Amino acid sequence: MANIAFIAGSSRANSQSSKVARFLRQRACTLGLTTEQESSVIDLGLAPLPLWPAEDQGPWALYAEQLGDADAVVVISPEWNGMACPAIKNFFIYASKAQLAHKPGLLVGVSSGVGGSYPISELRASSYKNCRLCYLPEHLIIRQVEQVLNLPEASSEDDQRIRERIDYTLGVLGLYSDALESVRAAVDMHDKRFTNGM
């Protein structure tokens, strides 16, 4: 089993991204990929990080510990005006290779409408650079998020379809988590010449 960190990347408390993070965590537990004790939800709406740079780094020390313990990461980002939410972008300014290097990352876009793809593209383009997170070639987009993942059982065909895709994609994340364990053990991350990505 893997230790998985689920990052709800909205700056709003009780957000749809938080709902999705909790649902994904529960599914990962049900599928036997992790347990409640071996997984965590980092909710940037409930305990926000101060805008970087800040002398007081707020809850970052706790988040860094949770991420350091994780074998895999699920990054959930709402789409705001066609962009990734500022809270999740700020999160990746804090994150470094000490927490995330050579760990598999699953990107999840969230949209109240039919969007959700832009945060995926934006985070794939730059958020991994210095932290060395390895995004899966798979990702999820939860569209019409208010109408899905609300009940234990699917309430519509769209709800059922995304649940099936979630189970498939979480299974892929579990395989990558196992595969990259040996990579993390073999790569020397202490060479100061290569602190940052190119």
N, C-alpha and C. Protein backbone atom coordinates (compact mmCIF):
# COMPACT_ATOMS: atom_id res chain seq x y z
N MET A 1 0.83 -1.19 0.00
CA MET A 1 0.00 0.00 0.00
C MET A 1 0.86 1.24 0.00
N ALA A 2 0.34 2.30 -0.59
CA ALA A 2 1.08 3.54 -0.72
C ALA A 2 0.55 4.58 0.25
N ASN A 3 1.43 5.48 0.63
CA ASN A 3 1.04 6.67 1.36
C ASN A 3 0.75 7.73 0.30
N ILE A 4 -0.49 8.19 0.21
CA ILE A 4 -0.89 9.12 -0.83
C ILE A 4 -1.34 10.43 -0.19
N ALA A 5 -0.83 11.55 -0.70
CA ALA A 5 -1.28 12.87 -0.27
C ALA A 5 -2.21 13.44 -1.34
N PHE A 6 -3.38 13.87 -0.91
CA PHE A 6 -4.38 14.48 -1.79
C PHE A 6 -4.39 15.97 -1.49
N ILE A 7 -4.11 16.79 -2.49
CA ILE A 7 -4.00 18.24 -2.30
C ILE A 7 -5.21 18.91 -2.92
N ALA A 8 -6.09 19.46 -2.08
CA ALA A 8 -7.24 20.22 -2.55
C ALA A 8 -6.78 21.64 -2.78
N GLY A 9 -6.65 22.03 -4.05
CA GLY A 9 -5.96 23.25 -4.42
C GLY A 9 -6.80 24.50 -4.51
N SER A 10 -7.99 24.51 -3.94
CA SER A 10 -8.80 25.72 -3.94
C SER A 10 -8.50 26.55 -2.70
N SER A 11 -8.61 27.87 -2.82
CA SER A 11 -8.43 28.73 -1.65
C SER A 11 -9.73 28.93 -0.89
N ARG A 12 -10.80 28.31 -1.34
CA ARG A 12 -12.09 28.41 -0.66
C ARG A 12 -12.28 27.26 0.31
N ALA A 13 -12.80 27.57 1.50
CA ALA A 13 -13.16 26.53 2.45
C ALA A 13 -14.39 25.80 1.93
N ASN A 14 -14.49 24.51 2.21
CA ASN A 14 -15.63 23.69 1.79
C ASN A 14 -15.84 23.74 0.28
N SER A 15 -14.77 23.68 -0.46
CA SER A 15 -14.81 23.79 -1.91
C SER A 15 -15.18 22.46 -2.57
N GLN A 16 -15.53 22.53 -3.83
CA GLN A 16 -15.76 21.33 -4.62
C GLN A 16 -14.45 20.54 -4.77
N SER A 17 -13.32 21.24 -4.84
CA SER A 17 -12.02 20.56 -4.91
C SER A 17 -11.78 19.73 -3.66
N SER A 18 -12.19 20.25 -2.52
CA SER A 18 -12.06 19.51 -1.26
C SER A 18 -12.96 18.28 -1.27
N LYS A 19 -14.17 18.43 -1.79
CA LYS A 19 -15.09 17.29 -1.92
C LYS A 19 -14.46 16.21 -2.79
N VAL A 20 -13.88 16.63 -3.92
CA VAL A 20 -13.25 15.68 -4.83
C VAL A 20 -12.06 14.99 -4.14
N ALA A 21 -11.26 15.74 -3.40
CA ALA A 21 -10.11 15.15 -2.70
C ALA A 21 -10.57 14.08 -1.71
N ARG A 22 -11.61 14.36 -0.95
CA ARG A 22 -12.11 13.38 0.02
C ARG A 22 -12.68 12.15 -0.69
N PHE A 23 -13.38 12.36 -1.81
CA PHE A 23 -13.92 11.24 -2.57
C PHE A 23 -12.79 10.37 -3.11
N LEU A 24 -11.77 10.99 -3.69
CA LEU A 24 -10.64 10.23 -4.25
C LEU A 24 -9.91 9.46 -3.16
N ARG A 25 -9.74 10.08 -2.01
CA ARG A 25 -9.08 9.38 -0.90
C ARG A 25 -9.88 8.15 -0.49
N GLN A 26 -11.21 8.31 -0.37
CA GLN A 26 -12.04 7.18 0.02
C GLN A 26 -11.98 6.07 -1.03
N ARG A 27 -11.99 6.43 -2.32
CA ARG A 27 -11.91 5.42 -3.37
C ARG A 27 -10.56 4.70 -3.32
N ALA A 28 -9.48 5.45 -3.09
CA ALA A 28 -8.16 4.83 -3.01
C ALA A 28 -8.11 3.84 -1.85
N CYS A 29 -8.76 4.18 -0.75
CA CYS A 29 -8.82 3.25 0.39
C CYS A 29 -9.65 2.02 0.04
N THR A 30 -10.79 2.23 -0.58
CA THR A 30 -11.67 1.12 -0.96
C THR A 30 -10.98 0.18 -1.94
N LEU A 31 -10.19 0.74 -2.84
CA LEU A 31 -9.48 -0.07 -3.83
C LEU A 31 -8.24 -0.75 -3.25
N GLY A 32 -7.91 -0.48 -1.99
CA GLY A 32 -6.76 -1.10 -1.35
C GLY A 32 -5.42 -0.49 -1.73
N LEU A 33 -5.45 0.73 -2.25
CA LEU A 33 -4.20 1.41 -2.63
C LEU A 33 -3.55 2.10 -1.44
N THR A 34 -4.34 2.47 -0.45
CA THR A 34 -3.86 3.17 0.73
C THR A 34 -4.85 2.91 1.86
N THR A 35 -4.59 3.50 3.01
CA THR A 35 -5.51 3.43 4.14
C THR A 35 -5.73 4.85 4.66
N GLU A 36 -6.72 5.01 5.51
CA GLU A 36 -6.96 6.33 6.13
C GLU A 36 -5.71 6.79 6.89
N GLN A 37 -5.01 5.85 7.53
CA GLN A 37 -3.82 6.19 8.31
C GLN A 37 -2.62 6.53 7.43
N GLU A 38 -2.56 5.95 6.24
CA GLU A 38 -1.42 6.17 5.35
C GLU A 38 -1.66 7.23 4.31
N SER A 39 -2.76 7.95 4.40
CA SER A 39 -3.05 8.98 3.42
C SER A 39 -3.45 10.26 4.14
N SER A 40 -3.40 11.36 3.42
CA SER A 40 -3.75 12.64 4.02
C SER A 40 -4.37 13.54 2.96
N VAL A 41 -5.19 14.48 3.42
CA VAL A 41 -5.74 15.52 2.56
C VAL A 41 -5.15 16.85 3.03
N ILE A 42 -4.50 17.52 2.13
CA ILE A 42 -4.00 18.87 2.37
C ILE A 42 -5.01 19.81 1.71
N ASP A 43 -5.77 20.53 2.53
CA ASP A 43 -6.84 21.39 2.02
C ASP A 43 -6.39 22.84 2.12
N LEU A 44 -6.02 23.42 0.99
CA LEU A 44 -5.50 24.79 0.98
C LEU A 44 -6.59 25.82 1.25
N GLY A 45 -7.85 25.42 1.25
CA GLY A 45 -8.93 26.31 1.62
C GLY A 45 -9.14 26.38 3.12
N LEU A 46 -8.89 25.26 3.81
CA LEU A 46 -9.05 25.23 5.26
C LEU A 46 -7.83 25.76 6.00
N ALA A 47 -6.65 25.49 5.47
CA ALA A 47 -5.40 25.96 6.10
C ALA A 47 -4.51 26.51 4.99
N PRO A 48 -4.77 27.75 4.56
CA PRO A 48 -4.04 28.31 3.42
C PRO A 48 -2.59 28.64 3.73
N LEU A 49 -1.79 28.56 2.70
CA LEU A 49 -0.40 28.99 2.80
C LEU A 49 -0.34 30.49 2.55
N PRO A 50 0.50 31.22 3.29
CA PRO A 50 0.68 32.64 2.98
C PRO A 50 1.26 32.80 1.58
N LEU A 51 0.93 33.90 0.94
CA LEU A 51 1.47 34.17 -0.38
C LEU A 51 2.99 34.26 -0.30
N TRP A 52 3.66 33.48 -1.12
CA TRP A 52 5.13 33.44 -1.15
C TRP A 52 5.67 34.75 -1.70
N PRO A 53 6.78 35.30 -1.18
CA PRO A 53 7.52 34.86 0.00
C PRO A 53 6.92 35.45 1.27
N ALA A 54 6.98 34.69 2.34
CA ALA A 54 6.43 35.15 3.61
C ALA A 54 7.35 34.67 4.73
N GLU A 55 7.55 35.52 5.72
CA GLU A 55 8.37 35.12 6.87
C GLU A 55 7.68 33.99 7.62
N ASP A 56 6.40 34.17 7.90
CA ASP A 56 5.62 33.13 8.55
C ASP A 56 5.06 32.23 7.46
N GLN A 57 5.50 30.99 7.42
CA GLN A 57 5.09 30.08 6.35
C GLN A 57 3.83 29.29 6.70
N GLY A 58 3.13 29.72 7.72
CA GLY A 58 1.86 29.11 8.06
C GLY A 58 1.98 27.60 8.26
N PRO A 59 1.10 26.82 7.63
CA PRO A 59 1.09 25.37 7.84
C PRO A 59 2.10 24.61 6.98
N TRP A 60 3.05 25.30 6.34
CA TRP A 60 3.94 24.60 5.41
C TRP A 60 4.73 23.48 6.08
N ALA A 61 5.19 23.65 7.29
CA ALA A 61 5.98 22.60 7.95
C ALA A 61 5.18 21.31 8.05
N LEU A 62 3.91 21.41 8.40
CA LEU A 62 3.05 20.21 8.46
C LEU A 62 2.86 19.62 7.07
N TYR A 63 2.59 20.48 6.09
CA TYR A 63 2.41 19.99 4.72
C TYR A 63 3.68 19.32 4.20
N ALA A 64 4.83 19.92 4.48
CA ALA A 64 6.10 19.34 4.03
C ALA A 64 6.31 17.95 4.62
N GLU A 65 5.94 17.78 5.87
CA GLU A 65 6.07 16.46 6.51
C GLU A 65 5.14 15.45 5.85
N GLN A 66 3.90 15.85 5.61
CA GLN A 66 2.94 14.94 4.96
C GLN A 66 3.42 14.56 3.56
N LEU A 67 3.91 15.52 2.81
CA LEU A 67 4.39 15.25 1.46
C LEU A 67 5.66 14.40 1.48
N GLY A 68 6.53 14.66 2.43
CA GLY A 68 7.76 13.87 2.54
C GLY A 68 7.47 12.40 2.80
N ASP A 69 6.41 12.13 3.57
CA ASP A 69 6.02 10.75 3.87
C ASP A 69 5.29 10.07 2.70
N ALA A 70 4.77 10.87 1.79
CA ALA A 70 3.94 10.33 0.71
C ALA A 70 4.77 9.59 -0.34
N ASP A 71 4.17 8.56 -0.91
CA ASP A 71 4.75 7.84 -2.04
C ASP A 71 4.17 8.34 -3.36
N ALA A 72 3.03 9.01 -3.29
CA ALA A 72 2.35 9.52 -4.48
C ALA A 72 1.51 10.72 -4.07
N VAL A 73 1.20 11.56 -5.06
CA VAL A 73 0.47 12.80 -4.79
C VAL A 73 -0.65 12.95 -5.81
N VAL A 74 -1.82 13.40 -5.34
CA VAL A 74 -2.94 13.72 -6.21
C VAL A 74 -3.19 15.22 -6.06
N VAL A 75 -3.07 15.95 -7.16
CA VAL A 75 -3.17 17.42 -7.16
C VAL A 75 -4.50 17.80 -7.80
N ILE A 76 -5.40 18.38 -7.00
CA ILE A 76 -6.72 18.75 -7.48
C ILE A 76 -6.77 20.26 -7.62
N SER A 77 -7.03 20.73 -8.84
CA SER A 77 -7.06 22.18 -9.08
C SER A 77 -8.36 22.59 -9.76
N PRO A 78 -9.07 23.53 -9.13
CA PRO A 78 -10.22 24.10 -9.84
C PRO A 78 -9.76 24.99 -10.97
N GLU A 79 -10.63 25.17 -11.94
CA GLU A 79 -10.34 26.09 -13.03
C GLU A 79 -11.02 27.42 -12.73
N TRP A 80 -10.21 28.46 -12.60
CA TRP A 80 -10.73 29.80 -12.37
C TRP A 80 -10.34 30.66 -13.55
N ASN A 81 -11.34 31.15 -14.29
CA ASN A 81 -11.09 32.01 -15.44
C ASN A 81 -10.09 31.39 -16.41
N GLY A 82 -10.21 30.08 -16.61
CA GLY A 82 -9.34 29.39 -17.54
C GLY A 82 -7.93 29.16 -17.04
N MET A 83 -7.72 29.27 -15.73
CA MET A 83 -6.38 29.09 -15.16
C MET A 83 -6.45 28.21 -13.92
N ALA A 84 -5.29 27.71 -13.52
CA ALA A 84 -5.18 27.02 -12.24
C ALA A 84 -5.36 28.04 -11.12
N CYS A 85 -5.96 27.61 -10.06
CA CYS A 85 -6.22 28.47 -8.90
C CYS A 85 -4.91 29.01 -8.32
N PRO A 86 -4.85 30.27 -7.91
CA PRO A 86 -3.62 30.83 -7.33
C PRO A 86 -3.12 30.05 -6.12
N ALA A 87 -4.01 29.45 -5.34
CA ALA A 87 -3.57 28.71 -4.14
C ALA A 87 -2.69 27.53 -4.50
N ILE A 88 -3.03 26.81 -5.57
CA ILE A 88 -2.22 25.64 -5.94
C ILE A 88 -0.91 26.08 -6.58
N LYS A 89 -0.93 27.18 -7.30
CA LYS A 89 0.32 27.68 -7.88
C LYS A 89 1.27 28.15 -6.77
N ASN A 90 0.72 28.81 -5.76
CA ASN A 90 1.51 29.24 -4.61
C ASN A 90 2.09 28.02 -3.87
N PHE A 91 1.30 26.95 -3.77
CA PHE A 91 1.75 25.71 -3.14
C PHE A 91 3.03 25.20 -3.81
N PHE A 92 3.07 25.24 -5.14
CA PHE A 92 4.23 24.72 -5.84
C PHE A 92 5.45 25.62 -5.75
N ILE A 93 5.28 26.84 -5.33
CA ILE A 93 6.44 27.68 -5.04
C ILE A 93 7.09 27.24 -3.73
N TYR A 94 6.28 26.80 -2.78
CA TYR A 94 6.80 26.26 -1.53
C TYR A 94 7.46 24.90 -1.72
N ALA A 95 6.86 24.04 -2.53
CA ALA A 95 7.29 22.65 -2.65
C ALA A 95 8.65 22.54 -3.33
N SER A 96 9.45 21.59 -2.85
CA SER A 96 10.77 21.37 -3.43
C SER A 96 10.99 19.88 -3.65
N LYS A 97 12.16 19.56 -4.14
CA LYS A 97 12.48 18.15 -4.37
C LYS A 97 12.54 17.36 -3.06
N ALA A 98 12.77 18.05 -1.95
CA ALA A 98 12.81 17.36 -0.65
C ALA A 98 11.48 16.67 -0.34
N GLN A 99 10.40 17.24 -0.84
CA GLN A 99 9.09 16.65 -0.58
C GLN A 99 8.57 15.78 -1.73
N LEU A 100 8.89 16.14 -2.97
CA LEU A 100 8.16 15.55 -4.10
C LEU A 100 9.00 14.87 -5.18
N ALA A 101 10.30 14.93 -5.09
CA ALA A 101 11.12 14.42 -6.20
C ALA A 101 10.86 12.96 -6.50
N HIS A 102 10.65 12.69 -7.79
CA HIS A 102 10.51 11.34 -8.33
C HIS A 102 9.35 10.56 -7.70
N LYS A 103 8.31 11.31 -7.36
CA LYS A 103 7.07 10.69 -6.89
C LYS A 103 6.02 10.89 -7.98
N PRO A 104 5.15 9.92 -8.18
CA PRO A 104 4.12 10.08 -9.21
C PRO A 104 3.06 11.07 -8.75
N GLY A 105 2.62 11.91 -9.68
CA GLY A 105 1.58 12.88 -9.39
C GLY A 105 0.43 12.72 -10.37
N LEU A 106 -0.77 12.66 -9.84
CA LEU A 106 -1.97 12.60 -10.65
C LEU A 106 -2.63 13.97 -10.62
N LEU A 107 -2.82 14.56 -11.79
CA LEU A 107 -3.49 15.85 -11.90
C LEU A 107 -4.99 15.65 -12.07
N VAL A 108 -5.75 16.49 -11.35
CA VAL A 108 -7.20 16.45 -11.43
C VAL A 108 -7.71 17.87 -11.63
N GLY A 109 -8.34 18.12 -12.76
CA GLY A 109 -8.97 19.41 -13.01
C GLY A 109 -10.42 19.37 -12.56
N VAL A 110 -10.91 20.49 -12.01
CA VAL A 110 -12.27 20.58 -11.51
C VAL A 110 -12.95 21.78 -12.15
N SER A 111 -14.18 21.57 -12.64
CA SER A 111 -14.91 22.66 -13.26
C SER A 111 -16.40 22.56 -12.91
N SER A 112 -17.01 23.70 -12.65
CA SER A 112 -18.45 23.72 -12.42
C SER A 112 -19.21 23.60 -13.74
N GLY A 113 -18.51 23.80 -14.85
CA GLY A 113 -19.11 23.66 -16.18
C GLY A 113 -18.47 22.53 -16.95
N VAL A 114 -18.16 22.80 -18.21
CA VAL A 114 -17.59 21.76 -19.07
C VAL A 114 -16.10 21.98 -19.30
N GLY A 115 -15.46 22.87 -18.53
CA GLY A 115 -14.03 23.12 -18.66
C GLY A 115 -13.21 22.15 -17.83
N GLY A 116 -12.12 22.67 -17.26
CA GLY A 116 -11.29 21.86 -16.38
C GLY A 116 -9.98 21.42 -16.98
N SER A 117 -9.79 21.62 -18.28
CA SER A 117 -8.55 21.14 -18.90
C SER A 117 -7.40 22.13 -18.75
N TYR A 118 -7.69 23.40 -18.65
CA TYR A 118 -6.61 24.40 -18.59
C TYR A 118 -5.70 24.25 -17.37
N PRO A 119 -6.23 23.98 -16.17
CA PRO A 119 -5.31 23.76 -15.04
C PRO A 119 -4.36 22.59 -15.27
N ILE A 120 -4.85 21.55 -15.94
CA ILE A 120 -4.00 20.40 -16.24
C ILE A 120 -2.81 20.85 -17.08
N SER A 121 -3.09 21.56 -18.17
CA SER A 121 -2.02 22.03 -19.05
C SER A 121 -1.07 22.97 -18.34
N GLU A 122 -1.63 23.89 -17.57
CA GLU A 122 -0.81 24.88 -16.88
C GLU A 122 0.12 24.23 -15.85
N LEU A 123 -0.41 23.32 -15.06
CA LEU A 123 0.42 22.67 -14.04
C LEU A 123 1.44 21.72 -14.66
N ARG A 124 1.07 21.04 -15.73
CA ARG A 124 2.04 20.18 -16.43
C ARG A 124 3.21 21.00 -16.98
N ALA A 125 2.94 22.23 -17.39
CA ALA A 125 3.96 23.05 -18.05
C ALA A 125 5.06 23.51 -17.12
N SER A 126 4.75 23.77 -15.86
CA SER A 126 5.80 24.39 -15.04
C SER A 126 5.86 23.95 -13.59
N SER A 127 4.81 23.41 -13.02
CA SER A 127 4.80 23.19 -11.57
C SER A 127 5.78 22.11 -11.11
N TYR A 128 6.19 21.23 -11.98
CA TYR A 128 7.09 20.13 -11.61
C TYR A 128 8.56 20.54 -11.59
N LYS A 129 8.90 21.69 -12.18
CA LYS A 129 10.28 22.03 -12.52
C LYS A 129 11.26 21.85 -11.36
N ASN A 130 11.05 22.51 -10.26
CA ASN A 130 12.01 22.42 -9.16
C ASN A 130 11.69 21.31 -8.17
N CYS A 131 10.44 20.93 -8.08
CA CYS A 131 10.09 19.88 -7.11
C CYS A 131 10.27 18.48 -7.69
N ARG A 132 10.41 18.37 -9.01
CA ARG A 132 10.66 17.09 -9.70
C ARG A 132 9.53 16.07 -9.59
N LEU A 133 8.31 16.54 -9.35
CA LEU A 133 7.16 15.65 -9.33
C LEU A 133 6.96 15.06 -10.72
N CYS A 134 6.67 13.77 -10.80
CA CYS A 134 6.51 13.08 -12.08
C CYS A 134 5.02 12.88 -12.37
N TYR A 135 4.48 13.76 -13.21
CA TYR A 135 3.06 13.65 -13.53
C TYR A 135 2.80 12.44 -14.42
N LEU A 136 1.73 11.72 -14.09
CA LEU A 136 1.30 10.60 -14.90
C LEU A 136 0.85 11.09 -16.28
N PRO A 137 0.94 10.24 -17.29
CA PRO A 137 0.35 10.61 -18.57
C PRO A 137 -1.18 10.60 -18.50
N GLU A 138 -1.74 9.97 -17.49
CA GLU A 138 -3.19 10.00 -17.24
C GLU A 138 -3.52 11.21 -16.37
N HIS A 139 -4.73 11.72 -16.50
CA HIS A 139 -5.24 12.73 -15.60
C HIS A 139 -6.76 12.59 -15.53
N LEU A 140 -7.36 13.33 -14.63
CA LEU A 140 -8.81 13.34 -14.49
C LEU A 140 -9.33 14.77 -14.65
N ILE A 141 -10.51 14.91 -15.23
CA ILE A 141 -11.20 16.19 -15.27
C ILE A 141 -12.63 15.93 -14.76
N ILE A 142 -12.95 16.57 -13.66
CA ILE A 142 -14.28 16.42 -13.06
C ILE A 142 -15.11 17.63 -13.51
N ARG A 143 -15.94 17.40 -14.51
CA ARG A 143 -16.79 18.46 -15.06
C ARG A 143 -18.16 18.43 -14.38
N GLN A 144 -18.86 19.58 -14.41
CA GLN A 144 -20.16 19.68 -13.73
C GLN A 144 -20.04 19.12 -12.30
N VAL A 145 -19.03 19.56 -11.60
CA VAL A 145 -18.63 18.94 -10.34
C VAL A 145 -19.72 18.97 -9.28
N GLU A 146 -20.59 19.97 -9.32
CA GLU A 146 -21.66 20.02 -8.32
C GLU A 146 -22.64 18.85 -8.45
N GLN A 147 -22.73 18.25 -9.66
CA GLN A 147 -23.70 17.19 -9.90
C GLN A 147 -23.13 15.77 -9.74
N VAL A 148 -21.84 15.63 -9.46
CA VAL A 148 -21.25 14.30 -9.37
C VAL A 148 -20.50 14.12 -8.06
N LEU A 149 -20.28 12.86 -7.70
CA LEU A 149 -19.47 12.47 -6.53
C LEU A 149 -20.06 12.97 -5.22
N ASN A 150 -21.38 13.11 -5.17
CA ASN A 150 -22.04 13.63 -3.97
C ASN A 150 -22.57 12.54 -3.05
N LEU A 151 -22.88 11.38 -3.61
CA LEU A 151 -23.51 10.30 -2.85
C LEU A 151 -22.66 9.04 -2.95
N PRO A 152 -22.89 8.08 -2.05
CA PRO A 152 -22.13 6.82 -2.16
C PRO A 152 -22.33 6.11 -3.49
N GLU A 153 -23.54 6.22 -4.06
CA GLU A 153 -23.83 5.59 -5.35
C GLU A 153 -23.98 6.67 -6.42
N ALA A 154 -23.63 6.32 -7.65
CA ALA A 154 -23.74 7.27 -8.76
C ALA A 154 -25.19 7.68 -8.97
N SER A 155 -25.41 8.96 -9.28
CA SER A 155 -26.76 9.48 -9.46
C SER A 155 -27.12 9.72 -10.93
N SER A 156 -26.19 9.50 -11.84
CA SER A 156 -26.44 9.71 -13.27
C SER A 156 -25.41 8.94 -14.08
N GLU A 157 -25.62 8.90 -15.39
CA GLU A 157 -24.63 8.25 -16.26
C GLU A 157 -23.29 8.96 -16.20
N ASP A 158 -23.32 10.29 -16.17
CA ASP A 158 -22.07 11.05 -16.08
C ASP A 158 -21.34 10.75 -14.78
N ASP A 159 -22.08 10.66 -13.70
CA ASP A 159 -21.50 10.34 -12.39
C ASP A 159 -20.87 8.95 -12.42
N GLN A 160 -21.58 7.98 -13.00
CA GLN A 160 -21.05 6.62 -13.08
C GLN A 160 -19.80 6.57 -13.96
N ARG A 161 -19.83 7.29 -15.07
CA ARG A 161 -18.69 7.28 -16.00
C ARG A 161 -17.43 7.83 -15.33
N ILE A 162 -17.56 8.95 -14.59
CA ILE A 162 -16.37 9.53 -13.97
C ILE A 162 -15.89 8.64 -12.82
N ARG A 163 -16.78 7.97 -12.13
CA ARG A 163 -16.36 7.05 -11.07
C ARG A 163 -15.54 5.89 -11.64
N GLU A 164 -15.96 5.36 -12.78
CA GLU A 164 -15.20 4.28 -13.41
C GLU A 164 -13.83 4.78 -13.84
N ARG A 165 -13.79 5.98 -14.39
CA ARG A 165 -12.50 6.55 -14.80
C ARG A 165 -11.61 6.81 -13.60
N ILE A 166 -12.20 7.25 -12.50
CA ILE A 166 -11.43 7.48 -11.26
C ILE A 166 -10.78 6.19 -10.80
N ASP A 167 -11.54 5.11 -10.75
CA ASP A 167 -10.99 3.83 -10.28
C ASP A 167 -9.84 3.38 -11.18
N TYR A 168 -10.04 3.50 -12.49
CA TYR A 168 -8.97 3.12 -13.43
C TYR A 168 -7.71 3.96 -13.19
N THR A 169 -7.88 5.27 -13.09
CA THR A 169 -6.74 6.18 -12.98
C THR A 169 -6.03 6.03 -11.64
N LEU A 170 -6.78 5.82 -10.56
CA LEU A 170 -6.14 5.58 -9.27
C LEU A 170 -5.33 4.27 -9.31
N GLY A 171 -5.83 3.28 -10.03
CA GLY A 171 -5.07 2.03 -10.19
C GLY A 171 -3.75 2.28 -10.89
N VAL A 172 -3.76 3.12 -11.93
CA VAL A 172 -2.52 3.48 -12.62
C VAL A 172 -1.57 4.20 -11.65
N LEU A 173 -2.10 5.11 -10.85
CA LEU A 173 -1.28 5.82 -9.87
C LEU A 173 -0.60 4.84 -8.92
N GLY A 174 -1.33 3.82 -8.48
CA GLY A 174 -0.75 2.81 -7.59
C GLY A 174 0.41 2.07 -8.24
N LEU A 175 0.28 1.75 -9.51
CA LEU A 175 1.36 1.07 -10.23
C LEU A 175 2.59 1.96 -10.35
N TYR A 176 2.38 3.24 -10.67
CA TYR A 176 3.51 4.17 -10.75
C TYR A 176 4.16 4.36 -9.39
N SER A 177 3.36 4.38 -8.34
CA SER A 177 3.92 4.52 -7.00
C SER A 177 4.88 3.38 -6.69
N ASP A 178 4.47 2.17 -7.00
CA ASP A 178 5.35 1.01 -6.79
C ASP A 178 6.60 1.10 -7.66
N ALA A 179 6.43 1.47 -8.92
CA ALA A 179 7.55 1.49 -9.86
C ALA A 179 8.59 2.55 -9.53
N LEU A 180 8.15 3.72 -9.07
CA LEU A 180 9.08 4.81 -8.81
C LEU A 180 9.78 4.73 -7.46
N GLU A 181 9.38 3.79 -6.63
CA GLU A 181 10.03 3.62 -5.33
C GLU A 181 11.52 3.34 -5.50
N SER A 182 11.88 2.47 -6.43
CA SER A 182 13.29 2.14 -6.65
C SER A 182 14.04 3.31 -7.27
N VAL A 183 13.37 4.12 -8.07
CA VAL A 183 14.00 5.30 -8.66
C VAL A 183 14.38 6.27 -7.55
N ARG A 184 13.43 6.55 -6.64
CA ARG A 184 13.72 7.48 -5.54
C ARG A 184 14.88 6.99 -4.68
N ALA A 185 14.97 5.69 -4.50
CA ALA A 185 16.06 5.13 -3.69
C ALA A 185 17.40 5.26 -4.40
N ALA A 186 17.40 5.25 -5.73
CA ALA A 186 18.65 5.24 -6.49
C ALA A 186 19.18 6.62 -6.85
N VAL A 187 18.31 7.62 -6.95
CA VAL A 187 18.75 8.95 -7.39
C VAL A 187 19.35 9.72 -6.22
N ASP A 188 20.53 10.29 -6.45
CA ASP A 188 21.19 11.13 -5.43
C ASP A 188 20.59 12.53 -5.51
N MET A 189 19.79 12.88 -4.51
CA MET A 189 19.13 14.19 -4.51
C MET A 189 19.90 15.22 -3.69
N HIS A 190 21.13 14.90 -3.27
CA HIS A 190 21.90 15.80 -2.42
C HIS A 190 22.94 16.63 -3.17
N ASP A 191 23.06 16.43 -4.47
CA ASP A 191 24.04 17.16 -5.26
C ASP A 191 23.55 18.60 -5.43
N LYS A 192 24.20 19.53 -4.77
CA LYS A 192 23.76 20.93 -4.76
C LYS A 192 23.90 21.61 -6.12
N ARG A 193 24.67 21.03 -7.01
CA ARG A 193 24.78 21.62 -8.35
C ARG A 193 23.47 21.54 -9.11
N PHE A 194 22.62 20.60 -8.73
CA PHE A 194 21.38 20.36 -9.46
C PHE A 194 20.16 20.56 -8.58
N THR A 195 20.23 21.59 -7.73
CA THR A 195 19.13 21.87 -6.82
C THR A 195 17.86 22.18 -7.56
N ASN A 196 17.95 23.00 -8.62
CA ASN A 196 16.77 23.40 -9.38
C ASN A 196 16.74 22.71 -10.73
N GLY A 197 15.53 22.58 -11.26
CA GLY A 197 15.39 22.03 -12.60
C GLY A 197 15.82 23.05 -13.64
N MET A 198 15.91 22.61 -14.88
CA MET A 198 16.34 23.51 -15.97
C MET A 198 15.15 24.13 -16.66
